[in-house]
PDB file of all heavy atoms in Angstrom:
ATOM      1  N   GLU A   1      16.184 -29.851 -13.052  1.00  0.00           N
ATOM      2  CA  GLU A   1      16.754 -29.254 -11.843  1.00  0.00           C
ATOM      3  C   GLU A   1      15.669 -28.950 -10.807  1.00  0.00           C
ATOM      4  O   GLU A   1      15.869 -29.158  -9.600  1.00  0.00           O
ATOM      5  CB  GLU A   1      17.505 -27.961 -12.192  1.00  0.00           C
ATOM      6  CG  GLU A   1      18.760 -28.166 -13.016  1.00  0.00           C
ATOM      7  CD  GLU A   1      18.470 -28.269 -14.507  1.00  0.00           C
ATOM      8  OE1 GLU A   1      17.272 -28.297 -14.901  1.00  0.00           O
ATOM      9  OE2 GLU A   1      19.444 -28.329 -15.298  1.00  0.00           O
ATOM     10  N   ALA A   2      14.509 -28.467 -11.281  1.00  0.00           N
ATOM     11  CA  ALA A   2      13.413 -28.132 -10.362  1.00  0.00           C
ATOM     12  C   ALA A   2      12.890 -29.379  -9.655  1.00  0.00           C
ATOM     13  O   ALA A   2      12.695 -29.377  -8.429  1.00  0.00           O
ATOM     14  CB  ALA A   2      12.282 -27.453 -11.134  1.00  0.00           C
ATOM     15  N   ILE A   3      12.677 -30.449 -10.418  1.00  0.00           N
ATOM     16  CA  ILE A   3      12.181 -31.694  -9.820  1.00  0.00           C
ATOM     17  C   ILE A   3      13.198 -32.254  -8.830  1.00  0.00           C
ATOM     18  O   ILE A   3      12.835 -32.723  -7.741  1.00  0.00           O
ATOM     19  CB  ILE A   3      11.845 -32.724 -10.919  1.00  0.00           C
ATOM     20  CG1 ILE A   3      10.596 -32.275 -11.682  1.00  0.00           C
ATOM     21  CG2 ILE A   3      11.643 -34.121 -10.325  1.00  0.00           C
ATOM     22  CD1 ILE A   3      10.209 -33.186 -12.838  1.00  0.00           C
ATOM     23  N   ASP A   4      14.472 -32.184  -9.190  1.00  0.00           N
ATOM     24  CA  ASP A   4      15.521 -32.693  -8.297  1.00  0.00           C
ATOM     25  C   ASP A   4      15.562 -31.897  -6.999  1.00  0.00           C
ATOM     26  O   ASP A   4      15.693 -32.468  -5.910  1.00  0.00           O
ATOM     27  CB  ASP A   4      16.871 -32.628  -9.003  1.00  0.00           C
ATOM     28  CG  ASP A   4      17.995 -33.200  -8.151  1.00  0.00           C
ATOM     29  OD1 ASP A   4      17.932 -34.409  -7.837  1.00  0.00           O
ATOM     30  OD2 ASP A   4      18.914 -32.447  -7.782  1.00  0.00           O
ATOM     31  N   TYR A   5      15.439 -30.570  -7.107  1.00  0.00           N
ATOM     32  CA  TYR A   5      15.457 -29.721  -5.910  1.00  0.00           C
ATOM     33  C   TYR A   5      14.270 -30.033  -4.990  1.00  0.00           C
ATOM     34  O   TYR A   5      14.430 -30.179  -3.773  1.00  0.00           O
ATOM     35  CB  TYR A   5      15.434 -28.250  -6.307  1.00  0.00           C
ATOM     36  CG  TYR A   5      15.315 -27.311  -5.127  1.00  0.00           C
ATOM     37  CD1 TYR A   5      16.434 -26.966  -4.381  1.00  0.00           C
ATOM     38  CD2 TYR A   5      14.069 -26.798  -4.756  1.00  0.00           C
ATOM     39  CE1 TYR A   5      16.328 -26.123  -3.280  1.00  0.00           C
ATOM     40  CE2 TYR A   5      13.948 -25.951  -3.655  1.00  0.00           C
ATOM     41  CZ  TYR A   5      15.085 -25.630  -2.925  1.00  0.00           C
ATOM     42  OH  TYR A   5      14.975 -24.801  -1.833  1.00  0.00           O
ATOM     43  N   ILE A   6      13.069 -30.130  -5.584  1.00  0.00           N
ATOM     44  CA  ILE A   6      11.872 -30.414  -4.789  1.00  0.00           C
ATOM     45  C   ILE A   6      11.978 -31.788  -4.130  1.00  0.00           C
ATOM     46  O   ILE A   6      11.678 -31.956  -2.938  1.00  0.00           O
ATOM     47  CB  ILE A   6      10.611 -30.334  -5.662  1.00  0.00           C
ATOM     48  CG1 ILE A   6      10.402 -28.902  -6.166  1.00  0.00           C
ATOM     49  CG2 ILE A   6       9.373 -30.787  -4.885  1.00  0.00           C
ATOM     50  CD1 ILE A   6       9.330 -28.768  -7.228  1.00  0.00           C
ATOM     51  N   SER A   7      12.430 -32.785  -4.897  1.00  0.00           N
ATOM     52  CA  SER A   7      12.561 -34.146  -4.371  1.00  0.00           C
ATOM     53  C   SER A   7      13.520 -34.189  -3.182  1.00  0.00           C
ATOM     54  O   SER A   7      13.226 -34.789  -2.139  1.00  0.00           O
ATOM     55  CB  SER A   7      13.032 -35.088  -5.476  1.00  0.00           C
ATOM     56  OG  SER A   7      13.220 -36.396  -4.978  1.00  0.00           O
ATOM     57  N   THR A   8      14.667 -33.533  -3.338  1.00  0.00           N
ATOM     58  CA  THR A   8      15.666 -33.527  -2.265  1.00  0.00           C
ATOM     59  C   THR A   8      15.145 -32.810  -1.025  1.00  0.00           C
ATOM     60  O   THR A   8      15.319 -33.279   0.107  1.00  0.00           O
ATOM     61  CB  THR A   8      16.961 -32.850  -2.755  1.00  0.00           C
ATOM     62  OG1 THR A   8      17.453 -33.544  -3.908  1.00  0.00           O
ATOM     63  CG2 THR A   8      18.024 -32.872  -1.667  1.00  0.00           C
ATOM     64  N   SER A   9      14.488 -31.674  -1.220  1.00  0.00           N
ATOM     65  CA  SER A   9      13.943 -30.910  -0.086  1.00  0.00           C
ATOM     66  C   SER A   9      12.888 -31.710   0.670  1.00  0.00           C
ATOM     67  O   SER A   9      12.873 -31.725   1.908  1.00  0.00           O
ATOM     68  CB  SER A   9      13.341 -29.589  -0.575  1.00  0.00           C
ATOM     69  OG  SER A   9      14.311 -28.787  -1.181  1.00  0.00           O
ATOM     70  N   LEU A  10      12.003 -32.378  -0.074  1.00  0.00           N
ATOM     71  CA  LEU A  10      10.976 -33.191   0.579  1.00  0.00           C
ATOM     72  C   LEU A  10      11.606 -34.378   1.312  1.00  0.00           C
ATOM     73  O   LEU A  10      11.209 -34.710   2.434  1.00  0.00           O
ATOM     74  CB  LEU A  10       9.961 -33.681  -0.456  1.00  0.00           C
ATOM     75  CG  LEU A  10       9.011 -32.627  -1.033  1.00  0.00           C
ATOM     76  CD1 LEU A  10       8.215 -33.206  -2.204  1.00  0.00           C
ATOM     77  CD2 LEU A  10       8.050 -32.109   0.039  1.00  0.00           C
ATOM     78  N   MET A  11      12.581 -35.011   0.681  1.00  0.00           N
ATOM     79  CA  MET A  11      13.221 -36.177   1.281  1.00  0.00           C
ATOM     80  C   MET A  11      13.921 -35.797   2.594  1.00  0.00           C
ATOM     81  O   MET A  11      13.898 -36.548   3.562  1.00  0.00           O
ATOM     82  CB  MET A  11      14.219 -36.782   0.297  1.00  0.00           C
ATOM     83  CG  MET A  11      14.873 -38.067   0.776  1.00  0.00           C
ATOM     84  SD  MET A  11      15.780 -38.899  -0.554  1.00  0.00           S
ATOM     85  CE  MET A  11      16.910 -37.602  -1.084  1.00  0.00           C
ATOM     86  N   ARG A  12      14.533 -34.611   2.626  1.00  0.00           N
ATOM     87  CA  ARG A  12      15.232 -34.146   3.835  1.00  0.00           C
ATOM     88  C   ARG A  12      14.293 -33.505   4.851  1.00  0.00           C
ATOM     89  O   ARG A  12      14.743 -33.048   5.906  1.00  0.00           O
ATOM     90  CB  ARG A  12      16.318 -33.144   3.434  1.00  0.00           C
ATOM     91  CG  ARG A  12      17.463 -33.761   2.629  1.00  0.00           C
ATOM     92  CD  ARG A  12      18.442 -32.695   2.163  1.00  0.00           C
ATOM     93  NE  ARG A  12      19.578 -33.288   1.460  1.00  0.00           N
ATOM     94  CZ  ARG A  12      20.503 -32.594   0.815  1.00  0.00           C
ATOM     95  NH1 ARG A  12      20.424 -31.260   0.790  1.00  0.00           N
ATOM     96  NH2 ARG A  12      21.498 -33.198   0.206  1.00  0.00           N
ATOM     97  N   ARG A  13      12.995 -33.419   4.513  1.00  0.00           N
ATOM     98  CA  ARG A  13      11.992 -32.789   5.387  1.00  0.00           C
ATOM     99  C   ARG A  13      12.304 -31.315   5.613  1.00  0.00           C
ATOM    100  O   ARG A  13      11.905 -30.729   6.623  1.00  0.00           O
ATOM    101  CB  ARG A  13      11.893 -33.479   6.742  1.00  0.00           C
ATOM    102  CG  ARG A  13      11.010 -34.724   6.813  1.00  0.00           C
ATOM    103  CD  ARG A  13      11.506 -35.836   5.969  1.00  0.00           C
ATOM    104  NE  ARG A  13      10.753 -37.081   6.184  1.00  0.00           N
ATOM    105  CZ  ARG A  13      10.962 -38.194   5.483  1.00  0.00           C
ATOM    106  NH1 ARG A  13      11.885 -38.218   4.527  1.00  0.00           N
ATOM    107  NH2 ARG A  13      10.242 -39.280   5.725  1.00  0.00           N
ATOM    108  N   SER A  14      12.991 -30.681   4.668  1.00  0.00           N
ATOM    109  CA  SER A  14      13.358 -29.272   4.813  1.00  0.00           C
ATOM    110  C   SER A  14      12.518 -28.357   3.932  1.00  0.00           C
ATOM    111  O   SER A  14      12.727 -27.142   3.919  1.00  0.00           O
ATOM    112  CB  SER A  14      14.844 -29.076   4.468  1.00  0.00           C
ATOM    113  OG  SER A  14      15.104 -29.450   3.110  1.00  0.00           O
ATOM    114  N   TYR A  15      11.570 -28.929   3.206  1.00  0.00           N
ATOM    115  CA  TYR A  15      10.774 -28.115   2.280  1.00  0.00           C
ATOM    116  C   TYR A  15       9.858 -27.162   3.047  1.00  0.00           C
ATOM    117  O   TYR A  15       9.170 -27.556   3.993  1.00  0.00           O
ATOM    118  CB  TYR A  15       9.918 -29.003   1.372  1.00  0.00           C
ATOM    119  CG  TYR A  15       9.174 -28.205   0.320  1.00  0.00           C
ATOM    120  CD1 TYR A  15       9.800 -27.836  -0.859  1.00  0.00           C
ATOM    121  CD2 TYR A  15       7.865 -27.784   0.539  1.00  0.00           C
ATOM    122  CE1 TYR A  15       9.138 -27.074  -1.812  1.00  0.00           C
ATOM    123  CE2 TYR A  15       7.195 -27.022  -0.409  1.00  0.00           C
ATOM    124  CZ  TYR A  15       7.836 -26.674  -1.574  1.00  0.00           C
ATOM    125  OH  TYR A  15       7.186 -25.918  -2.511  1.00  0.00           O
ATOM    126  N   SER A  16       9.839 -25.909   2.632  1.00  0.00           N
ATOM    127  CA  SER A  16       8.956 -24.904   3.240  1.00  0.00           C
ATOM    128  C   SER A  16       8.172 -24.199   2.151  1.00  0.00           C
ATOM    129  O   SER A  16       8.772 -23.690   1.190  1.00  0.00           O
ATOM    130  CB  SER A  16       9.762 -23.866   4.031  1.00  0.00           C
ATOM    131  OG  SER A  16      10.373 -24.458   5.152  1.00  0.00           O
ATOM    132  N   PRO A  17       6.857 -24.145   2.262  1.00  0.00           N
ATOM    133  CA  PRO A  17       6.048 -23.434   1.267  1.00  0.00           C
ATOM    134  C   PRO A  17       6.397 -21.950   1.228  1.00  0.00           C
ATOM    135  O   PRO A  17       6.791 -21.358   2.232  1.00  0.00           O
ATOM    136  CB  PRO A  17       4.612 -23.645   1.759  1.00  0.00           C
ATOM    137  CG  PRO A  17       4.672 -24.831   2.660  1.00  0.00           C
ATOM    138  CD  PRO A  17       6.031 -24.796   3.291  1.00  0.00           C
ATOM    139  N   GLN A  18       6.235 -21.356   0.058  1.00  0.00           N
ATOM    140  CA  GLN A  18       6.471 -19.930  -0.105  1.00  0.00           C
ATOM    141  C   GLN A  18       5.195 -19.153   0.230  1.00  0.00           C
ATOM    142  O   GLN A  18       4.093 -19.703   0.168  1.00  0.00           O
ATOM    143  CB  GLN A  18       6.920 -19.646  -1.539  1.00  0.00           C
ATOM    144  CG  GLN A  18       8.224 -20.349  -1.902  1.00  0.00           C
ATOM    145  CD  GLN A  18       8.582 -20.197  -3.368  1.00  0.00           C
ATOM    146  OE1 GLN A  18       8.163 -19.242  -4.016  1.00  0.00           O
ATOM    147  NE2 GLN A  18       9.352 -21.136  -3.894  1.00  0.00           N
ATOM    148  N   PRO A  19       5.319 -17.880   0.600  1.00  0.00           N
ATOM    149  CA  PRO A  19       4.123 -17.083   0.917  1.00  0.00           C
ATOM    150  C   PRO A  19       3.142 -17.062  -0.255  1.00  0.00           C
ATOM    151  O   PRO A  19       3.540 -17.100  -1.426  1.00  0.00           O
ATOM    152  CB  PRO A  19       4.688 -15.689   1.193  1.00  0.00           C
ATOM    153  CG  PRO A  19       6.119 -15.935   1.584  1.00  0.00           C
ATOM    154  CD  PRO A  19       6.565 -17.120   0.776  1.00  0.00           C
ATOM    155  N   LEU A  20       1.870 -17.005   0.068  1.00  0.00           N
ATOM    156  CA  LEU A  20       0.826 -16.979  -0.958  1.00  0.00           C
ATOM    157  C   LEU A  20       0.683 -15.574  -1.540  1.00  0.00           C
ATOM    158  O   LEU A  20       0.856 -14.579  -0.836  1.00  0.00           O
ATOM    159  CB  LEU A  20      -0.509 -17.412  -0.349  1.00  0.00           C
ATOM    160  CG  LEU A  20      -0.546 -18.831   0.217  1.00  0.00           C
ATOM    161  CD1 LEU A  20      -1.830 -19.043   1.006  1.00  0.00           C
ATOM    162  CD2 LEU A  20      -0.435 -19.870  -0.885  1.00  0.00           C
ATOM    163  N   ARG A  21       0.355 -15.515  -2.824  1.00  0.00           N
ATOM    164  CA  ARG A  21       0.051 -14.229  -3.464  1.00  0.00           C
ATOM    165  C   ARG A  21      -1.451 -13.981  -3.346  1.00  0.00           C
ATOM    166  O   ARG A  21      -2.254 -14.848  -3.686  1.00  0.00           O
ATOM    167  CB  ARG A  21       0.464 -14.239  -4.937  1.00  0.00           C
ATOM    168  CG  ARG A  21       1.963 -14.373  -5.152  1.00  0.00           C
ATOM    169  CD  ARG A  21       2.322 -14.095  -6.610  1.00  0.00           C
ATOM    170  NE  ARG A  21       1.739 -15.101  -7.492  1.00  0.00           N
ATOM    171  CZ  ARG A  21       2.356 -16.220  -7.852  1.00  0.00           C
ATOM    172  NH1 ARG A  21       3.572 -16.482  -7.391  1.00  0.00           N
ATOM    173  NH2 ARG A  21       1.787 -17.080  -8.661  1.00  0.00           N
ATOM    174  N   MET A  22      -1.814 -12.818  -2.877  1.00  0.00           N
ATOM    175  CA  MET A  22      -3.220 -12.486  -2.661  1.00  0.00           C
ATOM    176  C   MET A  22      -3.766 -11.671  -3.830  1.00  0.00           C
ATOM    177  O   MET A  22      -3.095 -10.757  -4.313  1.00  0.00           O
ATOM    178  CB  MET A  22      -3.398 -11.672  -1.371  1.00  0.00           C
ATOM    179  CG  MET A  22      -2.759 -12.297  -0.146  1.00  0.00           C
ATOM    180  SD  MET A  22      -3.641 -13.768   0.407  1.00  0.00           S
ATOM    181  CE  MET A  22      -2.808 -14.073   1.961  1.00  0.00           C
ATOM    182  N   PHE A  23      -4.974 -12.015  -4.283  1.00  0.00           N
ATOM    183  CA  PHE A  23      -5.656 -11.182  -5.275  1.00  0.00           C
ATOM    184  C   PHE A  23      -7.160 -11.368  -5.147  1.00  0.00           C
ATOM    185  O   PHE A  23      -7.628 -12.345  -4.559  1.00  0.00           O
ATOM    186  CB  PHE A  23      -5.188 -11.505  -6.700  1.00  0.00           C
ATOM    187  CG  PHE A  23      -5.469 -12.918  -7.147  1.00  0.00           C
ATOM    188  CD1 PHE A  23      -6.633 -13.226  -7.830  1.00  0.00           C
ATOM    189  CD2 PHE A  23      -4.567 -13.934  -6.884  1.00  0.00           C
ATOM    190  CE1 PHE A  23      -6.889 -14.521  -8.250  1.00  0.00           C
ATOM    191  CE2 PHE A  23      -4.808 -15.236  -7.297  1.00  0.00           C
ATOM    192  CZ  PHE A  23      -5.969 -15.532  -7.986  1.00  0.00           C
ATOM    193  N   GLU A  24      -7.899 -10.414  -5.687  1.00  0.00           N
ATOM    194  CA  GLU A  24      -9.359 -10.436  -5.599  1.00  0.00           C
ATOM    195  C   GLU A  24      -9.973 -11.035  -6.855  1.00  0.00           C
ATOM    196  O   GLU A  24      -9.478 -10.807  -7.966  1.00  0.00           O
ATOM    197  CB  GLU A  24      -9.916  -9.015  -5.431  1.00  0.00           C
ATOM    198  CG  GLU A  24      -9.843  -8.475  -4.023  1.00  0.00           C
ATOM    199  CD  GLU A  24     -10.553  -7.140  -3.904  1.00  0.00           C
ATOM    200  OE1 GLU A  24     -10.335  -6.282  -4.778  1.00  0.00           O
ATOM    201  OE2 GLU A  24     -11.316  -6.958  -2.953  1.00  0.00           O
ATOM    202  N   VAL A  25     -11.048 -11.801  -6.686  1.00  0.00           N
ATOM    203  CA  VAL A  25     -11.886 -12.212  -7.809  1.00  0.00           C
ATOM    204  C   VAL A  25     -13.306 -11.740  -7.498  1.00  0.00           C
ATOM    205  O   VAL A  25     -13.668 -11.548  -6.339  1.00  0.00           O
ATOM    206  CB  VAL A  25     -11.845 -13.741  -8.040  1.00  0.00           C
ATOM    207  CG1 VAL A  25     -10.448 -14.192  -8.420  1.00  0.00           C
ATOM    208  CG2 VAL A  25     -12.323 -14.511  -6.811  1.00  0.00           C
ATOM    209  N   PHE A  26     -14.079 -11.576  -8.558  1.00  0.00           N
ATOM    210  CA  PHE A  26     -15.417 -11.011  -8.371  1.00  0.00           C
ATOM    211  C   PHE A  26     -16.516 -11.933  -8.869  1.00  0.00           C
ATOM    212  O   PHE A  26     -17.680 -11.539  -8.923  1.00  0.00           O
ATOM    213  CB  PHE A  26     -15.507  -9.648  -9.069  1.00  0.00           C
ATOM    214  CG  PHE A  26     -14.576  -8.624  -8.474  1.00  0.00           C
ATOM    215  CD1 PHE A  26     -13.286  -8.480  -8.952  1.00  0.00           C
ATOM    216  CD2 PHE A  26     -14.982  -7.834  -7.423  1.00  0.00           C
ATOM    217  CE1 PHE A  26     -12.420  -7.546  -8.405  1.00  0.00           C
ATOM    218  CE2 PHE A  26     -14.130  -6.899  -6.861  1.00  0.00           C
ATOM    219  CZ  PHE A  26     -12.840  -6.756  -7.357  1.00  0.00           C
ATOM    220  N   GLU A  27     -16.167 -13.169  -9.280  1.00  0.00           N
ATOM    221  CA  GLU A  27     -17.162 -14.112  -9.737  1.00  0.00           C
ATOM    222  C   GLU A  27     -16.913 -15.466  -9.088  1.00  0.00           C
ATOM    223  O   GLU A  27     -15.762 -15.922  -9.018  1.00  0.00           O
ATOM    224  CB  GLU A  27     -17.115 -14.243 -11.267  1.00  0.00           C
ATOM    225  CG  GLU A  27     -17.527 -12.959 -11.972  1.00  0.00           C
ATOM    226  CD  GLU A  27     -17.494 -13.080 -13.474  1.00  0.00           C
ATOM    227  OE1 GLU A  27     -17.419 -14.203 -13.979  1.00  0.00           O
ATOM    228  OE2 GLU A  27     -17.549 -12.050 -14.153  1.00  0.00           O
ATOM    229  N   PRO A  28     -17.956 -16.132  -8.625  1.00  0.00           N
ATOM    230  CA  PRO A  28     -19.353 -15.675  -8.664  1.00  0.00           C
ATOM    231  C   PRO A  28     -19.649 -14.541  -7.687  1.00  0.00           C
ATOM    232  O   PRO A  28     -20.700 -13.930  -7.722  1.00  0.00           O
ATOM    233  CB  PRO A  28     -20.124 -16.941  -8.279  1.00  0.00           C
ATOM    234  CG  PRO A  28     -19.190 -17.707  -7.425  1.00  0.00           C
ATOM    235  CD  PRO A  28     -17.817 -17.449  -7.982  1.00  0.00           C
ATOM    236  N   LYS A  29     -18.701 -14.254  -6.761  1.00  0.00           N
ATOM    237  CA  LYS A  29     -18.882 -13.139  -5.833  1.00  0.00           C
ATOM    238  C   LYS A  29     -17.503 -12.641  -5.433  1.00  0.00           C
ATOM    239  O   LYS A  29     -16.481 -13.302  -5.670  1.00  0.00           O
ATOM    240  CB  LYS A  29     -19.675 -13.592  -4.592  1.00  0.00           C
ATOM    241  CG  LYS A  29     -19.037 -14.762  -3.851  1.00  0.00           C
ATOM    242  CD  LYS A  29     -19.938 -15.273  -2.748  1.00  0.00           C
ATOM    243  CE  LYS A  29     -19.325 -16.514  -2.080  1.00  0.00           C
ATOM    244  NZ  LYS A  29     -20.207 -17.079  -1.046  1.00  0.00           N
ATOM    245  N   ARG A  30     -17.451 -11.465  -4.833  1.00  0.00           N
ATOM    246  CA  ARG A  30     -16.164 -10.893  -4.440  1.00  0.00           C
ATOM    247  C   ARG A  30     -15.547 -11.729  -3.329  1.00  0.00           C
ATOM    248  O   ARG A  30     -16.175 -12.013  -2.317  1.00  0.00           O
ATOM    249  CB  ARG A  30     -16.361  -9.460  -3.952  1.00  0.00           C
ATOM    250  CG  ARG A  30     -15.073  -8.776  -3.552  1.00  0.00           C
ATOM    251  CD  ARG A  30     -15.341  -7.388  -2.991  1.00  0.00           C
ATOM    252  NE  ARG A  30     -14.113  -6.742  -2.551  1.00  0.00           N
ATOM    253  CZ  ARG A  30     -13.569  -6.939  -1.358  1.00  0.00           C
ATOM    254  NH1 ARG A  30     -14.140  -7.765  -0.492  1.00  0.00           N
ATOM    255  NH2 ARG A  30     -12.450  -6.315  -1.017  1.00  0.00           N
ATOM    256  N   ARG A  31     -14.268 -12.121  -3.526  1.00  0.00           N
ATOM    257  CA  ARG A  31     -13.554 -12.867  -2.497  1.00  0.00           C
ATOM    258  C   ARG A  31     -12.061 -12.736  -2.735  1.00  0.00           C
ATOM    259  O   ARG A  31     -11.617 -12.390  -3.828  1.00  0.00           O
ATOM    260  CB  ARG A  31     -13.974 -14.342  -2.480  1.00  0.00           C
ATOM    261  CG  ARG A  31     -13.836 -15.040  -3.809  1.00  0.00           C
ATOM    262  CD  ARG A  31     -14.680 -16.307  -3.896  1.00  0.00           C
ATOM    263  NE  ARG A  31     -14.639 -16.864  -5.233  1.00  0.00           N
ATOM    264  CZ  ARG A  31     -14.115 -18.040  -5.552  1.00  0.00           C
ATOM    265  NH1 ARG A  31     -13.589 -18.795  -4.612  1.00  0.00           N
ATOM    266  NH2 ARG A  31     -14.116 -18.470  -6.786  1.00  0.00           N
TER     267      ARG A  31
END
């Protein structure tokens, strides 16, 4: 179902990315 949904959305040019989740990492440096 997931592959079918993604395929259809891309084919119709209606696919929209979801907001990114933000988090901190500290290696090799804080970012």
